[in-house]
Protein backbone atom coordinates (compact mmCIF):
# COMPACT_ATOMS: atom_id res chain seq x y z
CA MET A 1 58.96 -4.01 -0.08
CA LYS A 2 58.64 -2.12 -3.36
CA LYS A 3 58.35 -5.43 -5.18
CA PHE A 4 55.53 -6.44 -2.83
CA TRP A 5 53.60 -3.25 -3.64
CA LYS A 6 54.25 -3.63 -7.36
CA THR A 7 52.65 -7.09 -7.39
CA GLY A 8 49.33 -5.52 -6.47
CA GLU A 9 48.68 -7.88 -3.57
CA PRO A 10 48.02 -5.05 -1.05
CA TYR A 11 45.31 -3.63 -3.28
CA VAL A 12 43.70 -7.04 -3.63
CA LEU A 13 43.74 -7.47 0.15
CA ALA A 14 42.33 -3.96 0.68
CA THR A 15 39.48 -4.39 -1.80
CA GLY A 16 38.72 -7.89 -0.48
CA SER A 17 38.63 -6.62 3.10
CA ALA A 18 36.39 -3.71 2.12
CA LEU A 19 34.03 -6.09 0.32
CA ALA A 20 33.92 -8.39 3.36
CA ILE A 21 33.15 -5.45 5.68
CA VAL A 22 30.37 -4.21 3.39
CA LEU A 23 28.84 -7.71 3.17
CA VAL A 24 28.95 -8.14 6.96
CA MET A 25 27.31 -4.74 7.48
CA THR A 26 24.65 -5.49 4.85
CA PHE A 27 23.72 -8.90 6.24
CA SER A 28 23.77 -7.51 9.80
CA LEU A 29 21.32 -4.80 8.80
CA ILE A 30 19.10 -7.34 7.04
CA GLY A 31 19.25 -9.57 10.13
CA VAL A 32 18.21 -6.74 12.45
CA VAL A 33 15.31 -5.77 10.18
CA VAL A 34 14.15 -9.37 9.77
CA SER A 35 14.43 -10.25 13.47
CA ASN A 36 12.47 -7.18 14.55
CA GLY A 37 10.02 -7.12 11.66
CA LEU A 38 9.03 -10.78 11.45
CA GLY A 39 8.32 -10.97 15.17
CA TYR A 40 5.94 -8.00 15.13
CA PHE A 41 2.90 -10.08 14.17
CA TRP A 42 3.56 -12.93 16.59
CA PRO A 43 0.82 -13.01 19.28
CA LYS A 44 2.33 -11.65 22.50
CA GLU A 45 1.15 -12.75 25.93
CA LEU A 46 -1.20 -10.55 27.93
CA VAL A 47 0.46 -9.98 31.30
CA ARG A 48 -1.44 -8.75 34.35
CA PHE A 49 0.62 -6.59 36.72
CA GLU A 50 -0.37 -5.83 40.30
CA LEU A 51 1.26 -2.63 41.58
CA LYS A 52 2.17 -1.37 45.04
CA ASP A 53 -0.53 1.31 44.99
CA GLY A 54 -3.21 -1.39 44.70
CA SER A 55 -3.96 -0.81 41.02
CA ALA A 56 -3.51 -3.32 38.22
CA ALA A 57 -2.51 -3.20 34.57
CA LEU A 58 -3.04 -5.62 31.70
CA GLY A 59 -1.14 -5.52 28.46
CA GLN A 60 1.71 -6.67 26.26
CA VAL A 61 5.30 -5.93 27.26
CA MET A 62 6.93 -4.07 24.37
CA GLN A 63 10.40 -3.16 25.69
CA HIS A 64 12.59 -2.63 28.77
CA GLU A 65 14.87 0.31 29.49
CA LYS A 66 16.39 2.41 32.24
CA ASN A 67 14.44 5.41 33.47
CA PRO A 68 16.51 8.41 32.31
CA ILE A 69 15.58 10.34 35.48
CA SER A 70 15.71 7.81 38.32
CA GLY A 71 17.97 5.23 36.66
CA GLU A 72 15.58 2.42 37.66
CA ARG A 73 14.51 -0.29 35.23
CA ARG A 74 11.10 0.19 33.67
CA LEU A 75 9.00 -1.48 31.01
CA GLN A 76 6.73 -0.19 28.28
CA LEU A 77 3.30 -1.79 28.35
CA LYS A 78 0.77 -1.70 25.55
CA ILE A 79 -2.52 -1.38 27.44
CA ALA A 80 -4.76 -0.72 24.37
CA ASN A 81 -8.37 0.33 25.22
CA ARG A 82 -7.72 3.74 23.69
CA ASP A 83 -11.35 4.81 24.06
CA VAL A 84 -11.27 3.97 27.78
CA PHE A 85 -7.82 4.98 29.03
CA GLY A 86 -7.09 7.64 26.41
CA GLN A 87 -3.69 6.15 25.50
CA ASP A 88 -2.25 2.96 24.04
CA PHE A 89 0.96 2.68 26.09
CA ARG A 90 2.22 3.39 29.58
CA TRP A 91 5.51 3.03 31.46
CA ILE A 92 5.73 1.01 34.67
CA ASP A 93 8.77 0.97 36.97
CA GLU A 94 9.96 -2.53 37.83
CA LYS A 95 10.11 -1.67 41.54
CA GLU A 96 6.38 -0.81 41.54
CA ILE A 97 5.38 -4.32 40.42
CA THR A 98 4.38 -6.76 43.15
CA LYS A 99 2.99 -9.63 41.06
CA ARG A 100 2.83 -10.82 37.46
CA THR A 101 0.33 -13.34 36.12
CA LEU A 102 -0.80 -14.66 32.75
CA PRO A 103 -4.61 -14.97 33.04
CA PRO A 104 -5.75 -17.64 30.56
CA ASP A 105 -9.11 -15.92 29.98
CA ALA A 106 -7.60 -12.55 29.01
CA MET A 107 -8.80 -11.62 25.53
CA LEU A 108 -7.40 -9.45 22.75
CA LEU A 109 -9.97 -7.91 20.42
CA GLU A 110 -8.96 -6.33 17.13
CA ARG A 111 -11.60 -3.68 16.43
CA ARG A 112 -12.47 -1.59 13.40
CA GLU A 113 -12.21 1.61 15.44
CA HIS A 114 -10.31 2.78 18.55
CA GLY A 115 -7.60 0.13 18.20
CA ASN A 116 -7.34 -3.11 20.19
CA TYR A 117 -9.20 -3.92 23.40
CA PHE A 118 -7.72 -5.98 26.24
CA GLY A 119 -10.12 -7.41 28.80
CA PHE A 120 -12.19 -10.31 30.06
CA LEU A 121 -15.43 -11.67 28.62
CA LYS A 122 -18.44 -11.38 30.95
CA GLY A 123 -21.36 -12.27 28.72
CA VAL A 124 -22.85 -12.30 25.23
CA ASN A 125 -26.18 -10.79 24.20
CA ALA A 126 -27.11 -13.40 21.58
CA GLU A 127 -30.78 -12.52 21.30
CA GLY A 128 -32.43 -14.49 18.53
CA LEU A 129 -29.63 -17.03 18.17
CA ALA A 130 -30.15 -20.74 18.84
CA VAL A 131 -27.46 -21.24 21.50
CA PRO A 132 -27.64 -24.16 24.00
CA ALA A 133 -28.08 -23.06 27.59
CA THR A 134 -25.09 -25.11 28.74
CA THR A 135 -22.71 -23.34 26.38
CA SER A 136 -19.92 -21.36 28.05
CA PRO A 137 -19.65 -17.60 27.39
CA HIS A 138 -16.58 -18.07 25.22
CA GLN A 139 -18.26 -20.76 23.10
CA THR A 140 -21.32 -18.54 22.81
CA LEU A 141 -19.08 -15.71 21.63
CA VAL A 142 -17.48 -17.95 18.98
CA LEU A 143 -20.89 -19.10 17.71
CA ALA A 144 -22.20 -15.54 17.66
CA MET A 145 -19.10 -14.34 15.78
CA LYS A 146 -19.62 -17.07 13.19
CA TRP A 147 -23.25 -16.01 12.73
CA VAL A 148 -22.26 -12.34 12.42
CA ASP A 149 -19.63 -13.22 9.81
CA GLU A 150 -22.19 -15.12 7.74
CA LYS A 151 -24.67 -12.24 7.93
CA SER A 152 -21.91 -9.76 7.08
CA GLN A 153 -21.00 -11.77 3.97
CA ALA A 154 -24.65 -11.69 2.89
CA THR A 155 -24.68 -7.94 3.49
CA LEU A 156 -21.56 -7.54 1.35
CA LYS A 157 -23.36 -9.26 -1.53
CA ILE A 158 -26.21 -6.77 -1.17
CA LYS A 159 -23.70 -3.92 -1.17
CA GLY A 160 -22.15 -5.34 -4.34
CA GLN A 161 -25.56 -5.29 -6.04
CA MET A 162 -26.07 -1.72 -4.78
CA SER A 163 -22.71 -0.72 -6.23
CA ASP A 164 -23.63 -2.19 -9.62
CA LEU A 165 -26.96 -0.34 -9.62
CA ASN A 166 -25.27 2.88 -8.57
CA ASN A 167 -22.74 2.58 -11.41
CA ARG A 168 -25.54 1.84 -13.85
CA ALA A 169 -27.50 4.87 -12.67
CA GLU A 170 -24.39 7.04 -13.02
CA ARG A 171 -23.81 5.84 -16.59
CA LEU A 172 -27.43 6.62 -17.43
CA ARG A 173 -27.09 10.07 -15.87
CA LEU A 174 -24.05 10.81 -18.03
CA LYS A 175 -25.91 9.64 -21.14
CA LEU A 176 -28.78 11.97 -20.23
CA LEU A 177 -26.37 14.87 -19.81
CA LYS A 178 -24.86 14.13 -23.21
CA LEU A 179 -28.24 14.01 -24.95
CA GLU A 180 -29.49 17.15 -23.21
CA TYR A 181 -26.29 19.01 -24.05
CA ARG A 182 -26.51 18.25 -27.77
CA GLU A 183 -30.13 18.61 -28.87
CA LYS A 184 -32.71 18.19 -26.18
CA GLU A 185 -35.78 18.51 -28.44
CA LYS A 186 -34.66 15.94 -31.02
CA ASN A 187 -33.66 13.44 -28.33
CA SER A 188 -36.78 13.79 -26.19
CA THR A 189 -37.85 10.15 -26.72
CA ALA A 190 -34.42 8.76 -25.84
CA ILE A 191 -34.22 11.09 -22.84
CA SER A 192 -37.59 9.87 -21.59
CA GLU A 193 -36.54 6.21 -21.93
CA LEU A 194 -33.25 6.80 -20.15
CA THR A 195 -34.99 8.74 -17.38
CA THR A 196 -37.43 5.87 -16.82
CA GLU A 197 -34.60 3.33 -16.80
CA ARG A 198 -32.61 5.41 -14.31
CA GLU A 199 -35.62 5.78 -12.02
CA GLN A 200 -36.10 2.00 -12.06
CA ALA A 201 -32.44 1.50 -11.15
CA MET A 202 -32.72 3.98 -8.28
CA THR A 203 -35.90 2.26 -7.05
CA GLN A 204 -34.07 -1.07 -6.92
CA PHE A 205 -31.17 0.68 -5.18
CA ASP A 206 -33.48 2.08 -2.49
CA ARG A 207 -35.03 -1.36 -1.95
CA LEU A 208 -31.63 -2.98 -1.50
CA ASN A 209 -30.57 -0.12 0.76
CA GLU A 210 -33.50 -0.86 3.06
CA GLN A 211 -32.52 -4.55 3.15
CA SER A 212 -28.92 -3.62 3.96
CA ALA A 213 -30.00 -1.25 6.75
CA ALA A 214 -32.25 -3.94 8.25
CA ALA A 215 -29.42 -6.49 8.12
CA HIS A 216 -27.01 -4.03 9.78
CA GLU A 217 -29.55 -3.32 12.51
CA GLU A 218 -30.00 -7.05 13.11
CA ILE A 219 -26.24 -7.58 13.31
CA ALA A 220 -25.71 -4.58 15.61
CA ARG A 221 -28.05 -6.11 18.23
CA ILE A 222 -25.55 -8.92 18.88
CA THR A 223 -23.13 -7.54 21.47
CA ALA A 224 -20.69 -8.84 24.05
CA THR A 225 -19.87 -7.41 27.46
CA PHE A 226 -16.21 -7.14 28.43
CA GLU A 227 -14.50 -5.97 31.60
CA ASP A 228 -11.14 -4.20 31.59
CA VAL A 229 -8.45 -4.60 34.22
CA ALA A 230 -9.75 -1.57 36.13
CA GLY A 231 -13.19 -3.16 36.55
CA GLY A 232 -15.05 -1.07 33.99
CA SER A 233 -17.46 -2.88 31.67
CA LYS A 234 -18.05 -2.15 28.00
CA ASP A 235 -20.55 -3.47 25.47
CA ILE A 236 -18.99 -4.08 22.06
CA ALA A 237 -20.95 -4.99 18.95
CA LEU A 238 -19.58 -8.16 17.39
CA SER A 239 -19.75 -6.51 13.97
CA GLU A 240 -17.02 -4.13 15.17
CA ILE A 241 -14.68 -7.01 16.04
CA ILE A 242 -12.34 -8.14 13.27
CA ALA A 243 -10.54 -10.86 15.22
CA LEU A 244 -10.39 -12.12 18.80
CA GLN A 245 -7.69 -14.09 20.56
CA ARG A 246 -6.79 -15.52 23.94
CA PRO A 247 -2.98 -15.30 23.60
CA ASN A 248 -2.23 -16.86 26.99
CA ASP A 249 -4.28 -19.94 26.10
CA MET A 250 -3.12 -20.43 22.49
CA SER A 251 -1.03 -23.37 21.32
CA PHE A 252 1.99 -22.97 19.08
CA LEU A 253 0.02 -23.98 15.98
CA ALA A 254 -2.75 -21.53 16.87
CA LYS A 255 -0.20 -18.75 17.19
CA CYS A 256 1.26 -19.71 13.81
CA GLY A 257 -2.21 -19.48 12.28
CA ALA A 258 -2.79 -16.07 13.88
CA TYR A 259 0.61 -14.91 12.61
CA LEU A 260 -0.16 -15.92 9.02
CA GLU A 261 -3.57 -14.25 9.25
CA ARG A 262 -1.95 -10.99 10.38
CA VAL A 263 0.50 -11.15 7.46
CA ARG A 264 -2.39 -11.78 5.05
CA GLU A 265 -4.25 -8.81 6.53
CA LEU A 266 -1.20 -6.59 6.03
CA LEU A 267 -0.82 -7.51 2.37
CA LEU A 268 -4.43 -7.91 1.20
CA ASP A 269 -6.70 -5.76 3.40
CA ASP A 270 -7.59 -2.09 3.14
CA PRO A 271 -6.28 0.44 5.68
CA ARG A 272 -8.45 1.82 8.46
CA GLU A 273 -8.23 4.28 11.33
CA SER A 274 -6.69 7.00 9.11
CA ASN A 275 -4.13 4.57 7.65
CA THR A 276 -2.71 3.70 11.08
CA GLU A 277 -4.13 0.16 11.11
CA GLY A 278 -5.24 -2.48 8.65
CA GLY A 279 -3.53 -3.49 5.43
CA LEU A 280 -1.41 -1.97 2.68
CA PHE A 281 -3.14 -3.46 -0.35
CA PRO A 282 -4.17 -0.15 -2.01
CA ALA A 283 -0.66 1.27 -1.61
CA ILE A 284 0.99 -1.91 -2.92
CA PHE A 285 -1.39 -2.27 -5.87
CA GLY A 286 -1.23 1.42 -6.77
CA THR A 287 2.56 1.49 -6.65
CA VAL A 288 2.94 -1.65 -8.78
CA MET A 289 0.36 -0.48 -11.33
CA MET A 290 1.88 2.99 -11.58
CA VAL A 291 5.44 1.67 -11.98
CA LEU A 292 4.32 -0.76 -14.70
CA LEU A 293 2.55 2.02 -16.62
CA MET A 294 5.59 4.24 -16.17
CA SER A 295 7.80 1.50 -17.62
CA VAL A 296 5.53 1.13 -20.65
CA PHE A 297 5.93 4.85 -21.37
CA SER A 298 9.58 5.44 -20.45
CA LEU A 299 11.33 2.31 -21.78
CA PRO A 300 10.47 2.61 -25.52
CA PHE A 301 11.02 6.36 -25.59
CA GLY A 302 14.30 6.16 -23.67
CA VAL A 303 15.71 3.30 -25.75
CA VAL A 304 14.77 4.93 -29.08
CA ALA A 305 16.27 8.26 -27.98
CA ALA A 306 19.49 6.56 -26.86
CA ILE A 307 19.78 4.60 -30.13
CA TYR A 308 19.39 7.77 -32.16
CA LEU A 309 21.93 9.70 -30.10
CA ARG A 310 24.53 6.93 -30.21
CA GLU A 311 24.05 5.32 -33.62
CA TYR A 312 22.50 7.89 -35.97
CA ALA A 313 23.03 11.46 -34.72
CA LYS A 314 26.18 13.26 -35.80
CA ASP A 315 28.45 14.40 -33.00
CA GLY A 316 27.64 18.07 -33.45
CA LEU A 317 26.71 20.98 -31.22
CA LEU A 318 23.02 20.05 -31.10
CA THR A 319 23.76 16.45 -30.10
CA ARG A 320 26.10 17.58 -27.34
CA MET A 321 23.49 20.03 -26.06
CA VAL A 322 20.87 17.26 -26.00
CA ARG A 323 23.20 15.00 -24.02
CA ILE A 324 23.89 17.80 -21.54
CA ALA A 325 20.15 18.43 -21.19
CA VAL A 326 19.45 14.74 -20.58
CA ASN A 327 22.15 14.54 -17.92
CA ASN A 328 20.81 17.68 -16.24
CA LEU A 329 17.25 16.34 -16.28
CA ALA A 330 18.41 13.42 -14.15
CA GLY A 331 19.26 15.89 -11.37
CA VAL A 332 16.07 17.97 -11.43
CA PRO A 333 14.13 17.71 -8.11
CA SER A 334 11.05 15.54 -8.32
CA ILE A 335 8.79 18.33 -7.04
CA VAL A 336 9.57 20.27 -10.24
CA TYR A 337 8.33 17.33 -12.31
CA GLY A 338 5.20 17.26 -10.19
CA VAL A 339 4.43 20.93 -10.83
CA PHE A 340 5.13 20.47 -14.55
CA GLY A 341 2.87 17.41 -14.70
CA LEU A 342 0.08 19.31 -12.95
CA GLY A 343 0.24 22.19 -15.42
CA PHE A 344 0.94 20.25 -18.61
CA PHE A 345 -0.83 16.91 -18.20
CA VAL A 346 -3.68 17.64 -15.78
CA TYR A 347 -4.68 21.20 -16.65
CA GLY A 348 -3.32 21.25 -20.21
CA ILE A 349 -4.00 17.90 -21.85
CA GLY A 350 -6.66 16.74 -19.38
CA GLY A 351 -8.57 20.02 -19.52
CA SER A 352 -8.45 20.00 -23.34
CA LEU A 353 -9.76 16.43 -23.48
CA ASP A 354 -12.64 17.39 -21.19
CA SER A 355 -13.53 20.37 -23.40
CA LEU A 356 -13.38 18.31 -26.60
CA PHE A 357 -14.98 15.01 -25.60
CA PHE A 358 -16.87 15.58 -22.32
CA PRO A 359 -18.24 19.14 -22.43
CA GLU A 360 -21.57 18.06 -20.93
CA ARG A 361 -19.85 16.98 -17.70
CA LEU A 362 -18.12 20.30 -17.04
CA PRO A 363 -17.27 21.85 -14.62
CA THR A 364 -16.84 18.36 -13.11
CA PRO A 365 -13.52 17.13 -14.56
CA THR A 366 -13.07 13.73 -16.19
CA PHE A 367 -9.44 13.79 -17.30
CA GLY A 368 -8.60 17.23 -15.93
CA THR A 369 -7.91 15.94 -12.45
CA GLY A 370 -5.28 13.86 -10.71
CA GLY A 371 -5.09 10.20 -11.65
CA ILE A 372 -2.82 7.23 -12.15
CA LEU A 373 -2.41 7.99 -15.88
CA TRP A 374 -0.99 11.46 -15.30
CA SER A 375 1.11 10.18 -12.40
CA SER A 376 2.63 7.49 -14.62
CA LEU A 377 3.40 9.97 -17.40
CA THR A 378 5.01 12.38 -14.93
CA LEU A 379 7.16 9.60 -13.48
CA ALA A 380 8.03 8.53 -17.03
CA LEU A 381 9.45 12.00 -17.66
CA LEU A 382 11.31 11.70 -14.37
CA THR A 383 12.94 8.38 -15.25
CA VAL A 384 13.52 8.70 -19.01
CA PRO A 385 17.00 10.26 -18.50
CA VAL A 386 18.04 7.21 -16.48
CA VAL A 387 16.99 4.86 -19.30
CA ILE A 388 18.66 7.03 -21.96
CA VAL A 389 21.99 7.23 -20.15
CA ALA A 390 22.06 3.51 -19.31
CA THR A 391 21.16 2.47 -22.87
CA GLU A 392 23.65 4.85 -24.45
CA GLU A 393 26.46 3.66 -22.19
CA SER A 394 25.58 0.04 -22.93
CA LEU A 395 25.73 0.68 -26.69
CA ALA A 396 29.00 2.57 -26.32
CA SER A 397 30.59 -0.38 -24.50
CA ILE A 398 30.19 -2.65 -27.55
CA PRO A 399 33.51 -2.85 -29.48
CA ARG A 400 33.64 -0.91 -32.73
CA GLY A 401 34.90 -4.01 -34.52
CA VAL A 402 31.54 -5.72 -34.01
CA ARG A 403 29.76 -3.00 -35.99
CA GLU A 404 32.39 -2.89 -38.72
CA GLY A 405 32.46 -6.67 -39.05
CA SER A 406 28.70 -6.83 -39.43
CA LEU A 407 28.69 -4.10 -42.06
CA ALA A 408 31.60 -5.77 -43.88
CA LEU A 409 29.58 -8.97 -44.16
CA GLY A 410 26.82 -7.09 -45.99
CA ALA A 411 24.37 -6.38 -43.17
CA THR A 412 22.56 -3.05 -43.18
CA LYS A 413 22.85 -0.63 -40.30
CA PHE A 414 19.32 -1.51 -39.15
CA GLN A 415 20.08 -5.24 -39.26
CA THR A 416 23.29 -4.67 -37.32
CA LEU A 417 21.35 -2.73 -34.72
CA THR A 418 18.45 -5.17 -34.28
CA LYS A 419 20.32 -8.48 -34.70
CA LEU A 420 23.60 -7.67 -33.01
CA LEU A 421 23.85 -4.47 -31.00
CA LEU A 422 20.52 -4.47 -29.14
CA PRO A 423 20.84 -8.11 -27.94
CA MET A 424 24.35 -7.33 -26.67
CA ALA A 425 23.12 -4.13 -24.98
CA THR A 426 20.05 -5.75 -23.38
CA PRO A 427 21.66 -6.28 -19.92
CA GLY A 428 22.55 -2.59 -19.73
CA ILE A 429 19.09 -1.56 -20.90
CA MET A 430 17.45 -3.76 -18.26
CA THR A 431 19.76 -2.24 -15.64
CA GLY A 432 18.54 1.22 -16.61
CA LEU A 433 14.92 0.05 -16.47
CA ILE A 434 15.40 -1.45 -13.01
CA LEU A 435 17.06 1.74 -11.75
CA SER A 436 14.22 3.84 -13.17
CA MET A 437 11.59 1.61 -11.57
CA ALA A 438 13.38 1.83 -8.22
CA ARG A 439 13.46 5.62 -8.41
CA ALA A 440 9.83 5.88 -9.52
CA ALA A 441 8.61 3.60 -6.73
CA GLY A 442 10.23 5.84 -4.11
CA GLU A 443 9.08 9.22 -5.41
CA VAL A 444 6.30 10.86 -3.42
CA ALA A 445 6.40 14.54 -4.41
CA PRO A 446 4.91 14.08 -7.93
CA LEU A 447 2.15 11.87 -6.54
CA MET A 448 1.15 14.50 -3.99
CA ILE A 449 0.58 16.99 -6.83
CA VAL A 450 -0.46 14.93 -9.87
CA GLY A 451 -1.74 11.74 -8.26
CA VAL A 452 -4.81 10.96 -6.20
CA VAL A 453 -3.13 11.03 -2.79
């Protein structure tokens, strides 16, 4: 028995079993997340329930469970129509249901406000549109939606021109402030020219604003009348509808197309309804941009600091104190970095830059306010210790004989470092960078203070 333990086989079996258990748990967790997450955007059927009390309900079945009070089976139904019923979900006991149907004409509307709407199309007010009299209400709705989309795209172009004019007018206003702040009398001619140019830009802006308002008014006249399951009717402007579906009448390919569209909306659209609906594009773009800027600041500084501590600094009291400080910085709460960034970067450096280069804009801050630059610098301070420690450990793992052999062959210390040590330490440096990026991407406290959240 002792010989069996001395061979080390039990330890191999134990570590192998532990690894197998961890892998099974990891892949099980990934499977649960994928199975529940990927199916979220699949179009669910709209089920109509007739209840014993004579009422009816229309919605998507979300889950089943036992009633904790009565012990009876019940289901959670997403009924939508938040502006009508005052709630998105309701519970229905299975024993109260007398009939279930899948009406093919039941429609799901994704709206810009008040969430989804479940109901039945009754008519379309397509005044001014060339629609054949024999066209069905649903076909009329599709044609009207297509017309509204085309008009909305034209309106977006007008808004783009308005945005350009507004930016131009703002730049001219800042130039005027700068000239007036310096010497108003000497710059009177330039001020007059800029004032005239700004007035022309604002005149064009007002003209485009009138065109945009007229286009919005024309679009808002196109409405559709829907009826909910309780019999109440509601007129909805087609401009407020983002997408419409008839889930009970959709083919498999149509559902696949709707699924891909929902995924695209999640990744590329802006949020709406107080960030409870819509897409995540601003959050994704801001996080990626901030992490990349943080990496640009933290990686060079961290690598250079680690090289100095490991290869050039003497192992004295000061070096040991610096190492202790770096290790302690890795454990400082992120909220402390946020407060430091607010005081040092935003109010200190940003306020000084405003006083030196943009005094005419004060008290409106230019750099003395939260922004992605200060957020990236704060996160760089937060993650530099991770890069330093990882780089230093990677350099320390290189055998001493490699350094001595390089120096014995006539290479300088700098050549040994750049040609030999750094390439060998690159995997460890990249590991530190990846760890720092992972930590920076998950930190929220500094962004709440220094960022633009």
